[in-house]
Amino acid sequence: MTLCVLAGLAAAQGIRPKRFAFVAYGILYAYAGICIQVLRDARRDSGVFAYFTVSGVLVLAGLIVLARRFGSEE
């Protein structure tokens, strides 16, 4: 929980001065923290592979869209 709060703070602080690196760090650290919790609570055959595949693709696509938006504003 604390990791996600700090990651959200890093992402929010990166948006104001338009520093994409801090936004990306915040997003990736939050994603890592959530994935660790999912792995702790997951059973072996409960669709964990599907979760990581879908969520990983969505996070990556979101970062690409966000990077393009940051790049077009400069």
C-alpha atoms as a PDB file:
ATOM      1  CA  MET A   1       0.000   0.000   0.000  1.00  0.00           C
ATOM      2  CA  THR A   2       2.747   2.430   0.928  1.00  0.00           C
ATOM      3  CA  LEU A   3       4.619   1.632  -2.276  1.00  0.00           C
ATOM      4  CA  CYS A   4       1.563   2.467  -4.381  1.00  0.00           C
ATOM      5  CA  VAL A   5       1.034   5.760  -2.539  1.00  0.00           C
ATOM      6  CA  LEU A   6       4.661   6.777  -3.030  1.00  0.00           C
ATOM      7  CA  ALA A   7       4.574   5.688  -6.666  1.00  0.00           C
ATOM      8  CA  GLY A   8       1.429   7.749  -7.226  1.00  0.00           C
ATOM      9  CA  LEU A   9       3.122  10.725  -5.605  1.00  0.00           C
ATOM     10  CA  ALA A  10       6.151  10.331  -7.884  1.00  0.00           C
ATOM     11  CA  ALA A  11       3.918  10.137 -10.952  1.00  0.00           C
ATOM     12  CA  ALA A  12       1.889  13.169  -9.881  1.00  0.00           C
ATOM     13  CA  GLN A  13       5.019  15.195  -9.208  1.00  0.00           C
ATOM     14  CA  GLY A  14       6.353  14.234 -12.639  1.00  0.00           C
ATOM     15  CA  ILE A  15       3.237  15.437 -14.446  1.00  0.00           C
ATOM     16  CA  ARG A  16       3.407  19.027 -13.198  1.00  0.00           C
ATOM     17  CA  PRO A  17       6.923  19.852 -14.446  1.00  0.00           C
ATOM     18  CA  LYS A  18       6.424  17.505 -17.425  1.00  0.00           C
ATOM     19  CA  ARG A  19       9.144  15.029 -16.488  1.00  0.00           C
ATOM     20  CA  PHE A  20       8.158  11.772 -18.147  1.00  0.00           C
ATOM     21  CA  ALA A  21      10.837   9.732 -16.370  1.00  0.00           C
ATOM     22  CA  PHE A  22       9.251  10.333 -12.962  1.00  0.00           C
ATOM     23  CA  VAL A  23       5.816   9.466 -14.312  1.00  0.00           C
ATOM     24  CA  ALA A  24       7.164   6.229 -15.799  1.00  0.00           C
ATOM     25  CA  TYR A  25       8.986   5.371 -12.552  1.00  0.00           C
ATOM     26  CA  GLY A  26       5.795   5.892 -10.571  1.00  0.00           C
ATOM     27  CA  ILE A  27       3.719   3.752 -12.879  1.00  0.00           C
ATOM     28  CA  LEU A  28       6.247   0.926 -13.079  1.00  0.00           C
ATOM     29  CA  TYR A  29       6.876   0.827  -9.325  1.00  0.00           C
ATOM     30  CA  ALA A  30       3.150   0.746  -8.622  1.00  0.00           C
ATOM     31  CA  TYR A  31       2.722  -2.042 -11.176  1.00  0.00           C
ATOM     32  CA  ALA A  32       5.562  -4.014  -9.576  1.00  0.00           C
ATOM     33  CA  GLY A  33       4.022  -3.608  -6.125  1.00  0.00           C
ATOM     34  CA  ILE A  34       0.629  -4.774  -7.332  1.00  0.00           C
ATOM     35  CA  CYS A  35       2.185  -7.749  -9.143  1.00  0.00           C
ATOM     36  CA  ILE A  36       4.014  -8.797  -5.982  1.00  0.00           C
ATOM     37  CA  GLN A  37       0.729  -8.805  -4.083  1.00  0.00           C
ATOM     38  CA  VAL A  38      -0.978 -10.800  -6.843  1.00  0.00           C
ATOM     39  CA  LEU A  39       1.800 -13.390  -6.762  1.00  0.00           C
ATOM     40  CA  ARG A  40       1.545 -13.732  -2.986  1.00  0.00           C
ATOM     41  CA  ASP A  41      -2.195 -14.358  -3.130  1.00  0.00           C
ATOM     42  CA  ALA A  42      -2.331 -16.414  -6.320  1.00  0.00           C
ATOM     43  CA  ARG A  43      -2.746 -20.104  -6.658  1.00  0.00           C
ATOM     44  CA  ARG A  44      -0.821 -22.039  -9.245  1.00  0.00           C
ATOM     45  CA  ASP A  45      -3.619 -22.466 -11.828  1.00  0.00           C
ATOM     46  CA  SER A  46      -5.723 -19.392 -11.191  1.00  0.00           C
ATOM     47  CA  GLY A  47      -5.020 -17.464 -14.373  1.00  0.00           C
ATOM     48  CA  VAL A  48      -1.921 -15.671 -13.141  1.00  0.00           C
ATOM     49  CA  PHE A  49      -0.289 -15.951 -16.554  1.00  0.00           C
ATOM     50  CA  ALA A  50      -3.294 -14.303 -18.190  1.00  0.00           C
ATOM     51  CA  TYR A  51      -3.238 -11.514 -15.603  1.00  0.00           C
ATOM     52  CA  PHE A  52       0.429 -10.752 -16.221  1.00  0.00           C
ATOM     53  CA  THR A  53       0.027 -10.922 -19.985  1.00  0.00           C
ATOM     54  CA  VAL A  54      -2.984  -8.624 -20.155  1.00  0.00           C
ATOM     55  CA  SER A  55      -1.888  -6.191 -17.460  1.00  0.00           C
ATOM     56  CA  GLY A  56       1.665  -5.990 -18.810  1.00  0.00           C
ATOM     57  CA  VAL A  57       0.431  -5.178 -22.302  1.00  0.00           C
ATOM     58  CA  LEU A  58      -1.966  -2.549 -20.934  1.00  0.00           C
ATOM     59  CA  VAL A  59       0.711  -0.875 -18.806  1.00  0.00           C
ATOM     60  CA  LEU A  60       3.130  -0.837 -21.728  1.00  0.00           C
ATOM     61  CA  ALA A  61       0.495   0.559 -24.105  1.00  0.00           C
ATOM     62  CA  GLY A  62      -0.438   3.217 -21.565  1.00  0.00           C
ATOM     63  CA  LEU A  63       3.192   4.258 -21.188  1.00  0.00           C
ATOM     64  CA  ILE A  64       3.592   4.515 -24.960  1.00  0.00           C
ATOM     65  CA  VAL A  65       0.501   6.709 -25.277  1.00  0.00           C
ATOM     66  CA  LEU A  66       1.655   8.852 -22.376  1.00  0.00           C
ATOM     67  CA  ALA A  67       5.167   9.188 -23.829  1.00  0.00           C
ATOM     68  CA  ARG A  68       3.738  10.352 -27.143  1.00  0.00           C
ATOM     69  CA  ARG A  69       1.560  12.896 -25.352  1.00  0.00           C
ATOM     70  CA  PHE A  70       4.549  14.210 -23.377  1.00  0.00           C
ATOM     71  CA  GLY A  71       6.637  14.328 -26.569  1.00  0.00           C
ATOM     72  CA  SER A  72       4.023  16.250 -28.544  1.00  0.00           C
ATOM     73  CA  GLU A  73       3.733  18.956 -25.868  1.00  0.00           C
ATOM     74  CA  GLU A  74       7.436  19.841 -25.948  1.00  0.00           C
END
